[in-house]
Amino acid sequence: MALRDELAQTWSEPFDMIVVGGGINGTGIARDAALRGLRVLLIDKSDVSAGTTSWSSRLIHGGLRYLEYAEIGLVRESLMERERLLRIAPHLVRPLALTLPIYDYHKRSPLMIRLGMIAYDLLSLGKSVPGHRMFDRAGALAHEPGLNPTGLRAAARYYDAQVEFPERISVENMLDAVAHGAEILTHTRVDELLIEGNAVHGVRYVDQLTGERGTAVAAVTVNVAGPWVDTVVAGLGMGEEPERLIGGTKGSHIIVEPFPGAPADALYIEAKQDGRPYFIIPWNGLYLIGTTDVRYEGDPDRVVPGEDEIAYLLAETNIAIPGANLQREDVAYVYAGLRPLPYQQSGLESAITRRHIVRDHAPDVDGLISIVGGKLTTFRNLARQTVDLAGKKVGRSLPASRTGRLPLPGGVERFSAFARQFHRERPAWLSQQSGECLLRIYGVRARRVVALADQEPHLRSVVSDGSGMIAAGVVFGFTDEKARTLTDALMRRAMVGYDEDAGFGALDASADACVRSLGWSEDRSEREREAYIGYMTRFLPRALVETSADPGGEQSDASDTWRSPGSRP
């Protein structure tokens, strides 16, 4: 069957671009392309931002440590992108102060750190955040009294930025792409790249929730599947094993509640055991500690922190902050993901470049671009470069990218003024806590969530005591933000899955809200709840009952034994 005949069964006309992968890079590419007039289809086998985007340290940073590897261009690019994101997404990206303590066992002296800080400031001329300052030993302890005083020589304080929920940037990229004509297919797996005349002309796919199959044709297919990039390339079916592109390393994080001696700033520390840098970051009312960096050759669909990694992060935190005395039972939950870095057979993991590669497979295979590597911070510039290349390949003279100056859908200039007005006008039923929650997740679109709750009063109820999220936020994920499952809504729309209890306290009320507002059957409600519990086992959450773990750190499915508070028998 000819490709055009197959196309007629699914879409009325071909696309200019198919984007395979809905993480921060894929949604950024889709938004940029749609804004520049290309007809775009975005496909992801799970949900937007359900992969690597969700498993980062949640920082928008220039990459201070990249100076050590002389990646000056990458640092400068990152610092410029940090400023753009502070402007276009002020509801999601905020300045973050970091303190870098310097101990006598560290490789770098206070003078070396000071020189690095000066270079960092010079590379970020025109920045909106303050410059660095140095503390002597006494000043460091006065600023962060929880620090271990033994061997402490000095400290540096500087600013980068934090994106509390990078998932939301992906969601808003996707929403803006759709607003400008893009089509989105989530929970849809690409089974095959369509080849004609040594060129990729599209994809065949299957909806993993309904089983429906389809075909889409495009002039250019962009493979931005992160850790699955090589899997997509393998779909070329050219008869010989393609060059390996991805050599992912695993990064793990632990989440704990505030603890004795917990820092006011984020801490950027060199580990005593192996000299590797890691962070202790105030985040979401909790503390995020990580990350590790270990080579990984396992299944990218089931990446779980090993108990050795958890023990490492706990031990290093207790060394840096002796009063913390953190134990395994203090860990609320954990997460791990793969960095889709360029394949490198040997050498230090930390030395593998974080610079992205936009790989055009021509002349071997035309019509295919693969994205290797990249940073959360630089997704927008990566997208611009990719769409520039795609425009050349489709023979179109595209307008310049506008994503560096156009706010994301939840963003607005003078966001603080909008927030003050929102609180002045918020209805009596919406608490201060819930109002703040809506603002930091939805930005100016918080008004639409409130409007939904005004229409359906039962959606005014708070589903999450930790964050203050209301039921309207969960339903809004389905009605306005293309969630297809309850896990999508809780983990990547309303964000209650990152509460201290991993969202289990919100589970029943959220499912009930979907029954009442979306017409779910009780059977679907139960299936969605059980699917969420099964999904969350990879987080090894404390809120689940004790289950046995295998030697690799995997945990068995606890969905048959755990019931949330208030669950039906």
Protein backbone atom coordinates (compact mmCIF):
# COMPACT_ATOMS: atom_id res chain seq x y z
CA MET A 1 0.00 0.00 0.00
CA ALA A 2 1.41 3.44 -0.92
CA LEU A 3 2.13 5.88 1.88
CA ARG A 4 -0.47 8.31 0.58
CA ASP A 5 -3.12 5.59 0.71
CA GLU A 6 -2.16 4.75 4.30
CA LEU A 7 -2.27 8.44 5.19
CA ALA A 8 -5.82 8.73 3.97
CA GLN A 9 -6.85 6.23 6.62
CA THR A 10 -5.56 8.39 9.48
CA TRP A 11 -4.84 12.03 8.58
CA SER A 12 -6.28 14.22 5.87
CA GLU A 13 -2.93 15.66 4.80
CA PRO A 14 0.78 15.13 5.47
CA PHE A 15 2.70 16.89 8.21
CA ASP A 16 5.80 18.97 7.80
CA MET A 17 7.32 17.44 10.91
CA ILE A 18 6.72 14.46 13.18
CA VAL A 19 8.33 14.73 16.61
CA VAL A 20 8.88 11.41 18.38
CA GLY A 21 9.26 12.07 22.10
CA GLY A 22 7.33 14.47 24.32
CA GLY A 23 9.90 15.46 26.91
CA ILE A 24 11.16 18.99 27.43
CA ASN A 25 13.10 18.89 24.14
CA GLY A 26 10.32 17.30 22.09
CA THR A 27 7.62 19.67 23.31
CA GLY A 28 10.02 22.59 22.88
CA ILE A 29 10.63 21.56 19.26
CA ALA A 30 6.90 21.16 18.64
CA ARG A 31 6.17 24.60 20.04
CA ASP A 32 8.93 26.31 18.07
CA ALA A 33 7.92 24.57 14.84
CA ALA A 34 4.22 25.32 15.24
CA LEU A 35 4.90 28.97 16.05
CA ARG A 36 6.93 29.20 12.83
CA GLY A 37 4.14 27.82 10.69
CA LEU A 38 5.01 24.15 10.35
CA ARG A 39 2.33 21.48 10.57
CA VAL A 40 3.47 19.29 13.44
CA LEU A 41 2.55 15.93 14.98
CA LEU A 42 4.02 15.11 18.41
CA ILE A 43 3.97 11.46 19.54
CA ASP A 44 5.03 10.02 22.89
CA LYS A 45 4.74 6.42 24.04
CA SER A 46 3.78 7.60 27.52
CA ASP A 47 2.83 11.13 28.51
CA VAL A 48 4.54 14.45 27.94
CA SER A 49 7.52 14.83 30.31
CA ALA A 50 7.06 11.32 31.74
CA GLY A 51 10.68 10.35 31.09
CA THR A 52 14.00 12.11 31.68
CA THR A 53 12.36 15.51 32.13
CA SER A 54 10.73 14.31 35.34
CA TRP A 55 13.90 12.88 36.84
CA SER A 56 16.26 15.85 36.86
CA SER A 57 17.55 17.92 39.79
CA ARG A 58 15.02 20.56 38.71
CA LEU A 59 17.57 23.31 38.23
CA ILE A 60 17.92 25.92 35.50
CA HIS A 61 21.62 26.59 35.70
CA GLY A 62 24.62 27.69 33.72
CA GLY A 63 26.67 24.65 34.60
CA LEU A 64 29.31 26.02 36.93
CA ARG A 65 31.21 22.74 36.89
CA TYR A 66 31.37 22.73 33.07
CA LEU A 67 34.01 25.44 33.38
CA GLU A 68 36.35 22.71 34.61
CA TYR A 69 36.02 20.97 31.24
CA ALA A 70 36.49 24.26 29.34
CA GLU A 71 32.96 24.11 27.89
CA ILE A 72 32.78 27.91 27.92
CA GLY A 73 30.30 28.04 25.06
CA LEU A 74 27.91 25.69 26.84
CA VAL A 75 28.10 27.74 30.04
CA ARG A 76 27.43 30.98 28.18
CA GLU A 77 24.54 29.43 26.26
CA SER A 78 23.07 28.04 29.48
CA LEU A 79 23.32 31.36 31.30
CA MET A 80 21.59 33.18 28.45
CA GLU A 81 18.83 30.56 28.38
CA ARG A 82 18.43 30.83 32.15
CA GLU A 83 17.61 34.52 31.72
CA ARG A 84 15.12 33.82 28.94
CA LEU A 85 13.31 31.21 31.03
CA LEU A 86 13.11 33.56 34.01
CA ARG A 87 11.28 35.96 31.68
CA ILE A 88 8.97 33.65 29.73
CA ALA A 89 8.01 31.34 32.60
CA PRO A 90 8.18 33.40 35.82
CA HIS A 91 5.51 31.22 37.45
CA LEU A 92 7.66 28.10 37.00
CA VAL A 93 11.28 29.32 37.02
CA ARG A 94 12.58 31.35 39.96
CA PRO A 95 15.99 32.53 41.17
CA LEU A 96 17.69 30.14 43.58
CA ALA A 97 20.55 30.91 45.95
CA LEU A 98 23.19 28.21 46.28
CA THR A 99 25.97 27.94 48.85
CA LEU A 100 29.11 26.03 47.94
CA PRO A 101 31.07 25.05 51.09
CA ILE A 102 34.81 24.44 50.68
CA TYR A 103 36.50 21.83 52.89
CA ASP A 104 40.14 20.94 53.37
CA TYR A 105 39.62 17.61 51.60
CA HIS A 106 38.16 19.22 48.47
CA LYS A 107 40.15 19.34 45.24
CA ARG A 108 39.57 23.05 44.71
CA SER A 109 40.90 25.76 47.01
CA PRO A 110 38.94 28.88 48.02
CA LEU A 111 41.04 30.86 45.54
CA MET A 112 40.19 28.47 42.70
CA ILE A 113 36.48 28.65 43.60
CA ARG A 114 36.64 32.43 43.73
CA LEU A 115 38.19 32.57 40.27
CA GLY A 116 35.50 30.23 38.95
CA MET A 117 32.80 32.43 40.47
CA ILE A 118 34.29 35.54 38.86
CA ALA A 119 34.31 33.77 35.48
CA TYR A 120 30.70 32.63 36.03
CA ASP A 121 29.62 36.21 36.74
CA LEU A 122 31.48 37.54 33.71
CA LEU A 123 29.85 34.96 31.44
CA SER A 124 26.42 36.02 32.70
CA LEU A 125 26.75 39.77 32.17
CA GLY A 126 23.31 41.33 32.03
CA LYS A 127 21.85 38.74 34.38
CA SER A 128 18.86 39.53 36.58
CA VAL A 129 20.16 37.59 39.60
CA PRO A 130 22.80 38.84 42.08
CA GLY A 131 26.48 38.11 41.67
CA HIS A 132 28.51 35.85 43.93
CA ARG A 133 29.98 36.56 47.34
CA MET A 134 32.62 34.70 49.33
CA PHE A 135 32.48 33.77 53.02
CA ASP A 136 35.37 32.90 55.28
CA ARG A 137 34.88 30.01 57.70
CA ALA A 138 33.08 32.08 60.31
CA GLY A 139 30.87 33.74 57.72
CA ALA A 140 29.97 30.39 56.19
CA LEU A 141 28.87 28.99 59.56
CA ALA A 142 26.92 32.14 60.36
CA HIS A 143 25.13 31.88 57.02
CA GLU A 144 24.51 28.11 57.16
CA PRO A 145 24.93 27.04 60.82
CA GLY A 146 24.04 23.42 60.06
CA LEU A 147 27.22 22.87 58.04
CA ASN A 148 29.86 20.54 59.40
CA PRO A 149 32.54 22.85 60.88
CA THR A 150 35.31 20.22 60.75
CA GLY A 151 37.68 21.07 57.94
CA LEU A 152 35.51 23.93 56.66
CA ARG A 153 37.69 26.60 55.04
CA ALA A 154 35.29 28.96 53.31
CA ALA A 155 32.14 29.07 51.18
CA ALA A 156 30.81 30.79 48.08
CA ARG A 157 27.25 31.94 47.52
CA TYR A 158 25.86 32.47 44.05
CA TYR A 159 22.56 32.36 42.15
CA ASP A 160 21.10 30.14 39.49
CA ALA A 161 17.42 29.23 39.10
CA GLN A 162 15.02 26.45 40.02
CA VAL A 163 12.14 24.99 38.06
CA GLU A 164 10.10 23.30 40.72
CA PHE A 165 8.13 21.30 38.17
CA PRO A 166 9.82 20.97 34.76
CA GLU A 167 6.89 18.75 33.82
CA ARG A 168 4.80 21.89 33.68
CA ILE A 169 7.14 23.55 31.16
CA SER A 170 6.66 20.53 28.89
CA VAL A 171 2.90 20.69 29.36
CA GLU A 172 2.81 24.39 28.53
CA ASN A 173 5.08 23.92 25.51
CA MET A 174 2.65 21.27 24.32
CA LEU A 175 -0.40 23.46 24.95
CA ASP A 176 1.09 26.36 23.01
CA ALA A 177 2.03 24.03 20.17
CA VAL A 178 -1.57 22.79 20.02
CA ALA A 179 -2.86 26.37 20.12
CA HIS A 180 -0.81 26.99 16.98
CA GLY A 181 -2.07 23.94 15.10
CA ALA A 182 0.03 21.01 16.31
CA GLU A 183 -1.50 17.56 16.85
CA ILE A 184 -0.58 15.53 19.96
CA LEU A 185 -0.72 11.76 20.48
CA THR A 186 0.26 10.55 23.95
CA HIS A 187 0.43 6.96 25.18
CA THR A 188 1.17 6.16 21.56
CA ARG A 189 4.14 4.02 20.56
CA VAL A 190 5.97 4.42 17.27
CA ASP A 191 6.37 0.90 15.94
CA GLU A 192 8.05 1.62 12.63
CA LEU A 193 9.69 4.35 10.62
CA LEU A 194 8.35 4.41 7.07
CA ILE A 195 11.16 4.11 4.51
CA GLU A 196 10.91 4.86 0.80
CA GLY A 197 13.91 5.47 -1.39
CA ASN A 198 16.39 5.54 1.47
CA ALA A 199 14.43 8.29 3.21
CA VAL A 200 12.12 8.38 6.21
CA HIS A 201 8.67 9.58 5.20
CA GLY A 202 6.72 9.03 8.40
CA VAL A 203 5.79 6.55 11.11
CA ARG A 204 3.39 3.78 11.97
CA TYR A 205 2.11 3.86 15.54
CA VAL A 206 -0.26 2.23 17.99
CA ASP A 207 -2.31 3.83 20.75
CA GLN A 208 -1.36 1.84 23.84
CA LEU A 209 -4.60 2.65 25.66
CA THR A 210 -7.05 1.81 22.87
CA GLY A 211 -5.04 -0.44 20.54
CA GLU A 212 -5.89 1.81 17.58
CA ARG A 213 -3.22 1.87 14.89
CA GLY A 214 -2.34 4.66 12.52
CA THR A 215 0.12 6.07 10.03
CA ALA A 216 1.45 9.59 9.70
CA VAL A 217 3.53 11.01 6.86
CA ALA A 218 5.90 13.97 7.12
CA ALA A 219 8.80 15.55 5.29
CA VAL A 220 10.96 15.37 8.41
CA THR A 221 10.84 13.09 11.45
CA VAL A 222 12.67 14.28 14.57
CA ASN A 223 13.75 11.51 16.91
CA VAL A 224 13.94 13.15 20.32
CA ALA A 225 13.08 10.10 22.39
CA GLY A 226 15.81 10.61 24.99
CA PRO A 227 17.07 7.27 26.32
CA TRP A 228 15.00 5.55 23.61
CA VAL A 229 16.67 7.35 20.66
CA ASP A 230 18.55 4.20 19.61
CA THR A 231 15.33 2.17 19.80
CA VAL A 232 13.68 4.54 17.32
CA VAL A 233 16.69 4.47 14.98
CA ALA A 234 16.60 0.66 15.11
CA GLY A 235 13.15 0.98 13.51
CA LEU A 236 14.83 1.96 10.26
CA GLY A 237 15.17 -1.72 9.50
CA MET A 238 18.08 -1.11 7.13
CA GLY A 239 19.59 -4.55 7.72
CA GLU A 240 22.71 -3.53 9.61
CA GLU A 241 23.15 -2.43 13.19
CA PRO A 242 23.17 1.38 13.32
CA GLU A 243 25.80 3.37 15.16
CA ARG A 244 24.98 3.66 18.87
CA LEU A 245 24.08 7.23 19.78
CA ILE A 246 23.04 7.14 23.45
CA GLY A 247 25.21 6.08 26.39
CA GLY A 248 22.93 7.03 29.25
CA THR A 249 24.02 7.40 32.85
CA LYS A 250 21.64 6.99 35.75
CA GLY A 251 21.00 9.82 38.16
CA SER A 252 19.14 9.15 41.41
CA HIS A 253 17.57 11.50 43.94
CA ILE A 254 16.04 11.09 47.38
CA ILE A 255 13.30 13.25 48.88
CA VAL A 256 13.16 13.96 52.62
CA GLU A 257 11.16 16.24 54.89
CA PRO A 258 12.88 19.24 56.52
CA PHE A 259 15.48 18.01 59.00
CA PRO A 260 17.69 19.45 61.77
CA GLY A 261 20.31 21.74 60.28
CA ALA A 262 18.57 21.84 56.90
CA PRO A 263 20.01 24.69 54.80
CA ALA A 264 18.17 27.85 53.87
CA ASP A 265 20.01 27.98 50.54
CA ALA A 266 20.50 25.06 48.24
CA LEU A 267 23.87 23.46 48.92
CA TYR A 268 26.24 22.47 46.13
CA ILE A 269 28.74 20.11 47.72
CA GLU A 270 31.67 17.95 46.74
CA ALA A 271 31.10 14.48 48.21
CA LYS A 272 33.70 13.31 50.71
CA GLN A 273 33.63 9.70 49.51
CA ASP A 274 34.43 10.25 45.84
CA GLY A 275 34.62 13.98 45.15
CA ARG A 276 31.47 13.98 43.02
CA PRO A 277 29.34 17.14 43.27
CA TYR A 278 25.76 16.80 44.50
CA PHE A 279 22.95 19.07 45.72
CA ILE A 280 20.78 19.46 48.82
CA ILE A 281 17.91 21.62 47.58
CA PRO A 282 14.84 23.10 49.31
CA TRP A 283 12.03 21.97 47.02
CA ASN A 284 8.24 21.70 47.18
CA GLY A 285 8.25 22.09 50.96
CA LEU A 286 10.70 19.17 51.15
CA TYR A 287 14.39 18.62 50.39
CA LEU A 288 15.67 17.07 47.18
CA ILE A 289 19.09 15.44 47.47
CA GLY A 290 21.09 14.20 44.49
CA THR A 291 22.31 13.20 42.13
CA THR A 292 24.37 10.12 41.38
CA ASP A 293 26.01 9.46 38.01
CA VAL A 294 26.48 5.79 37.13
CA ARG A 295 26.56 3.96 33.82
CA TYR A 296 23.38 2.06 33.06
CA GLU A 297 22.67 -0.68 30.53
CA GLY A 298 19.32 -1.89 31.83
CA ASP A 299 15.73 -1.30 30.74
CA PRO A 300 15.14 2.47 30.40
CA ASP A 301 11.45 1.90 31.14
CA ARG A 302 12.18 0.73 34.68
CA VAL A 303 14.94 2.81 36.21
CA VAL A 304 14.91 2.66 40.01
CA PRO A 305 17.51 3.97 42.47
CA GLY A 306 19.61 1.23 44.00
CA GLU A 307 19.80 0.97 47.78
CA ASP A 308 23.53 1.67 47.48
CA GLU A 309 22.78 5.01 45.82
CA ILE A 310 20.24 5.89 48.50
CA ALA A 311 22.75 5.02 51.23
CA TYR A 312 25.42 7.12 49.49
CA LEU A 313 23.23 10.22 49.37
CA LEU A 314 22.13 9.80 52.99
CA ALA A 315 25.72 9.32 54.16
CA GLU A 316 27.01 12.36 52.32
CA THR A 317 24.18 14.53 53.65
CA ASN A 318 24.98 13.41 57.19
CA ILE A 319 28.65 14.25 56.63
CA ALA A 320 27.82 17.72 55.32
CA ILE A 321 25.15 18.39 57.99
CA PRO A 322 25.93 16.26 61.08
CA GLY A 323 22.76 17.28 62.88
CA ALA A 324 20.60 15.80 60.13
CA ASN A 325 21.17 12.19 61.19
CA LEU A 326 19.05 11.02 58.26
CA GLN A 327 18.16 7.33 58.12
CA ARG A 328 16.59 5.19 55.41
CA GLU A 329 13.15 5.51 57.01
CA ASP A 330 13.37 9.30 56.65
CA VAL A 331 13.24 9.02 52.86
CA ALA A 332 9.74 9.92 51.68
CA TYR A 333 10.37 8.62 48.18
CA VAL A 334 13.09 8.44 45.55
CA TYR A 335 13.38 8.73 41.80
CA ALA A 336 15.91 7.96 39.11
CA GLY A 337 16.26 8.63 35.42
CA LEU A 338 18.65 8.31 32.53
CA ARG A 339 20.60 11.16 31.03
CA PRO A 340 20.49 10.67 27.24
CA LEU A 341 24.17 11.54 26.84
CA PRO A 342 26.34 10.77 23.81
CA TYR A 343 27.67 7.21 23.84
CA GLN A 344 31.18 7.01 25.23
CA GLN A 345 32.60 3.56 25.83
CA SER A 346 34.90 4.49 28.71
CA GLY A 347 36.04 7.38 30.87
CA LEU A 348 34.54 9.37 33.71
CA GLU A 349 30.77 9.73 33.57
CA SER A 350 31.03 13.35 34.74
CA ALA A 351 33.34 14.16 31.82
CA ILE A 352 30.79 13.18 29.15
CA THR A 353 29.68 16.39 27.48
CA ARG A 354 26.28 17.84 28.36
CA ARG A 355 26.21 19.69 25.05
CA HIS A 356 23.41 18.57 22.75
CA ILE A 357 23.92 17.15 19.28
CA VAL A 358 21.41 17.70 16.47
CA ARG A 359 22.22 14.71 14.26
CA ASP A 360 21.10 14.80 10.62
CA HIS A 361 21.16 11.19 9.34
CA ALA A 362 21.56 12.33 5.72
CA PRO A 363 23.01 11.31 3.35
CA ASP A 364 22.70 7.75 4.72
CA VAL A 365 19.04 8.23 5.52
CA ASP A 366 17.27 11.43 4.59
CA GLY A 367 14.28 12.92 6.40
CA LEU A 368 15.47 11.90 9.88
CA ILE A 369 17.01 14.02 12.64
CA SER A 370 18.03 12.57 16.01
CA ILE A 371 18.69 14.58 19.16
CA VAL A 372 21.45 13.35 21.46
CA GLY A 373 22.10 14.79 24.90
CA GLY A 374 21.01 18.24 25.98
CA LYS A 375 20.17 19.99 29.22
CA LEU A 376 16.89 21.04 30.76
CA THR A 377 18.23 24.61 30.75
CA THR A 378 18.97 24.77 27.03
CA PHE A 379 15.90 23.03 25.61
CA ARG A 380 14.61 26.19 23.94
CA ASN A 381 17.83 26.83 22.03
CA LEU A 382 18.06 23.16 21.04
CA ALA A 383 14.52 23.44 19.67
CA ARG A 384 15.42 26.55 17.67
CA GLN A 385 18.43 24.85 16.11
CA THR A 386 16.42 21.73 15.27
CA VAL A 387 13.61 23.67 13.60
CA ASP A 388 16.15 25.76 11.66
CA LEU A 389 17.59 22.51 10.25
CA ALA A 390 14.14 21.05 9.59
CA GLY A 391 13.16 24.19 7.67
CA LYS A 392 16.13 23.71 5.36
CA LYS A 393 15.26 20.05 4.84
CA VAL A 394 11.66 20.82 3.88
CA GLY A 395 12.77 23.67 1.65
CA ARG A 396 10.95 26.35 3.59
CA SER A 397 12.20 29.81 4.52
CA LEU A 398 10.97 29.97 8.10
CA PRO A 399 10.53 33.09 10.20
CA ALA A 400 12.92 33.53 13.13
CA SER A 401 12.13 31.69 16.34
CA ARG A 402 10.00 33.67 18.80
CA THR A 403 10.14 31.31 21.77
CA GLY A 404 12.83 33.34 23.52
CA ARG A 405 10.50 36.28 23.98
CA LEU A 406 6.95 34.88 23.92
CA PRO A 407 5.81 33.82 27.41
CA LEU A 408 4.57 30.30 27.92
CA PRO A 409 0.78 30.08 28.33
CA GLY A 410 0.95 30.51 32.11
CA GLY A 411 3.52 33.27 31.99
CA VAL A 412 3.06 37.02 31.86
CA GLU A 413 5.23 40.06 32.36
CA ARG A 414 5.14 41.40 35.91
CA PHE A 415 3.86 38.09 37.21
CA SER A 416 4.17 39.26 40.82
CA ALA A 417 1.61 42.00 40.10
CA PHE A 418 -0.72 39.43 38.57
CA ALA A 419 -0.33 37.22 41.65
CA ARG A 420 -1.26 40.07 43.99
CA GLN A 421 -4.35 40.82 41.94
CA PHE A 422 -5.29 37.14 41.85
CA HIS A 423 -5.23 36.97 45.64
CA ARG A 424 -7.24 40.18 45.98
CA GLU A 425 -9.93 38.77 43.69
CA ARG A 426 -9.90 35.12 44.72
CA PRO A 427 -13.26 33.79 45.91
CA ALA A 428 -13.91 33.23 49.59
CA TRP A 429 -13.89 29.45 49.18
CA LEU A 430 -10.27 29.45 47.89
CA SER A 431 -7.71 29.54 50.69
CA GLN A 432 -4.42 31.41 50.57
CA GLN A 433 -2.56 28.08 50.42
CA SER A 434 -4.65 26.78 47.53
CA GLY A 435 -4.35 30.07 45.69
CA GLU A 436 -0.55 29.96 45.97
CA CYS A 437 -0.60 26.37 44.76
CA LEU A 438 -2.59 27.27 41.65
CA LEU A 439 -0.34 30.23 40.86
CA ARG A 440 2.92 28.29 41.08
CA ILE A 441 1.60 25.49 38.88
CA TYR A 442 -0.70 27.22 36.37
CA GLY A 443 0.44 30.85 36.44
CA VAL A 444 -2.15 33.11 34.81
CA ARG A 445 -4.14 30.02 33.84
CA ALA A 446 -5.01 29.60 37.53
CA ARG A 447 -8.06 31.74 36.78
CA ARG A 448 -9.35 29.02 34.46
CA VAL A 449 -9.02 26.39 37.20
CA VAL A 450 -10.96 28.67 39.58
CA ALA A 451 -13.61 29.20 36.90
CA LEU A 452 -14.04 25.44 36.57
CA ALA A 453 -14.53 25.14 40.33
CA ASP A 454 -17.04 28.00 40.25
CA GLN A 455 -19.06 26.03 37.70
CA GLU A 456 -18.87 22.77 39.66
CA PRO A 457 -18.76 23.50 43.40
CA HIS A 458 -17.73 19.96 44.33
CA LEU A 459 -14.40 20.69 42.61
CA ARG A 460 -13.57 23.32 45.24
CA SER A 461 -12.57 20.67 47.75
CA VAL A 462 -8.90 20.31 48.64
CA VAL A 463 -7.51 16.95 47.53
CA SER A 464 -3.98 17.52 48.83
CA ASP A 465 -3.39 18.86 52.32
CA GLY A 466 0.31 19.16 51.57
CA SER A 467 0.09 21.43 48.54
CA GLY A 468 -3.46 22.77 48.80
CA MET A 469 -4.38 21.55 45.31
CA ILE A 470 -8.12 21.48 44.70
CA ALA A 471 -10.10 18.84 42.81
CA ALA A 472 -10.60 21.27 39.93
CA GLY A 473 -6.89 21.05 39.15
CA VAL A 474 -7.13 17.29 38.63
CA VAL A 475 -10.16 17.55 36.35
CA PHE A 476 -8.62 20.51 34.53
CA GLY A 477 -5.76 18.20 33.55
CA PHE A 478 -8.26 16.20 31.49
CA THR A 479 -10.50 18.98 30.19
CA ASP A 480 -7.81 21.50 29.26
CA GLU A 481 -4.36 19.86 29.40
CA LYS A 482 -4.70 16.57 27.51
CA ALA A 483 -4.19 14.16 30.40
CA ARG A 484 -5.45 10.69 29.49
CA THR A 485 -4.91 8.81 32.74
CA LEU A 486 -5.16 9.66 36.43
CA THR A 487 -1.39 9.17 36.67
CA ASP A 488 -0.95 11.84 33.98
CA ALA A 489 -3.16 14.21 35.96
CA LEU A 490 -1.56 13.65 39.36
CA MET A 491 2.09 13.44 38.26
CA ARG A 492 2.32 15.89 35.36
CA ARG A 493 -0.65 18.28 35.61
CA ALA A 494 -1.76 18.91 39.22
CA MET A 495 1.65 17.73 40.55
CA VAL A 496 0.27 16.22 43.77
CA GLY A 497 2.25 13.04 43.13
CA TYR A 498 5.29 14.89 44.48
CA ASP A 499 3.72 15.55 47.89
CA GLU A 500 5.43 14.02 50.91
CA ASP A 501 2.98 11.09 50.71
CA ALA A 502 3.63 10.62 46.97
CA GLY A 503 0.05 11.64 46.20
CA PHE A 504 -1.65 8.69 47.88
CA GLY A 505 -3.62 10.96 50.19
CA ALA A 506 -5.13 12.69 47.14
CA LEU A 507 -5.85 9.53 45.19
CA ASP A 508 -9.40 8.68 46.24
CA ALA A 509 -10.70 12.25 46.16
CA SER A 510 -9.13 12.80 42.75
CA ALA A 511 -10.66 9.66 41.30
CA ASP A 512 -14.05 10.55 42.77
CA ALA A 513 -13.85 14.02 41.19
CA CYS A 514 -13.30 12.37 37.81
CA VAL A 515 -16.32 10.14 38.36
CA ARG A 516 -18.53 13.14 39.07
CA SER A 517 -17.16 15.59 36.50
CA LEU A 518 -15.92 13.37 33.67
CA GLY A 519 -18.48 10.57 33.86
CA TRP A 520 -16.03 7.82 34.75
CA SER A 521 -17.53 4.53 35.76
CA GLU A 522 -16.65 3.08 39.15
CA ASP A 523 -14.79 0.35 37.30
CA ARG A 524 -12.60 2.87 35.49
CA SER A 525 -12.04 4.77 38.71
CA GLU A 526 -10.76 1.62 40.40
CA ARG A 527 -8.53 0.71 37.44
CA GLU A 528 -7.02 4.19 37.36
CA ARG A 529 -6.31 4.11 41.09
CA GLU A 530 -4.64 0.73 40.88
CA ALA A 531 -2.61 1.85 37.86
CA TYR A 532 -1.37 4.85 39.82
CA ILE A 533 -0.32 2.68 42.75
CA GLY A 534 1.50 0.33 40.40
CA TYR A 535 3.26 3.23 38.70
CA MET A 536 4.39 4.72 42.01
CA THR A 537 6.17 1.57 43.16
CA ARG A 538 9.21 2.75 41.16
CA PHE A 539 9.47 5.67 43.60
CA LEU A 540 9.85 3.25 46.53
CA PRO A 541 7.54 5.54 48.50
CA ARG A 542 7.42 5.37 52.27
CA ALA A 543 3.65 5.67 52.00
CA LEU A 544 3.44 2.15 50.61
CA VAL A 545 3.53 -0.82 52.94
CA GLU A 546 6.80 -2.67 53.35
CA THR A 547 7.44 -4.99 50.43
CA SER A 548 10.42 -7.10 49.61
CA ALA A 549 13.04 -5.60 47.29
CA ASP A 550 15.16 -7.64 44.95
CA PRO A 551 18.96 -7.22 44.91
CA GLY A 552 18.79 -4.69 42.07
CA GLY A 553 16.67 -2.32 44.09
CA GLU A 554 13.44 -3.18 42.28
CA GLN A 555 10.32 -3.38 44.36
CA SER A 556 7.41 -5.70 43.80
CA ASP A 557 4.02 -4.36 42.84
CA ALA A 558 2.25 -3.36 46.01
CA SER A 559 -1.09 -2.58 44.39
CA ASP A 560 -2.74 -5.62 45.94
CA THR A 561 -1.69 -4.82 49.49
CA TRP A 562 -1.75 -1.04 49.85
CA ARG A 563 -4.94 0.93 50.31
CA SER A 564 -5.04 4.69 50.63
CA PRO A 565 -6.79 6.32 53.60
CA GLY A 566 -10.50 6.17 53.05
CA SER A 567 -10.26 3.51 50.34
CA ARG A 568 -13.22 1.36 49.67
CA PRO A 569 -12.85 -2.18 51.05
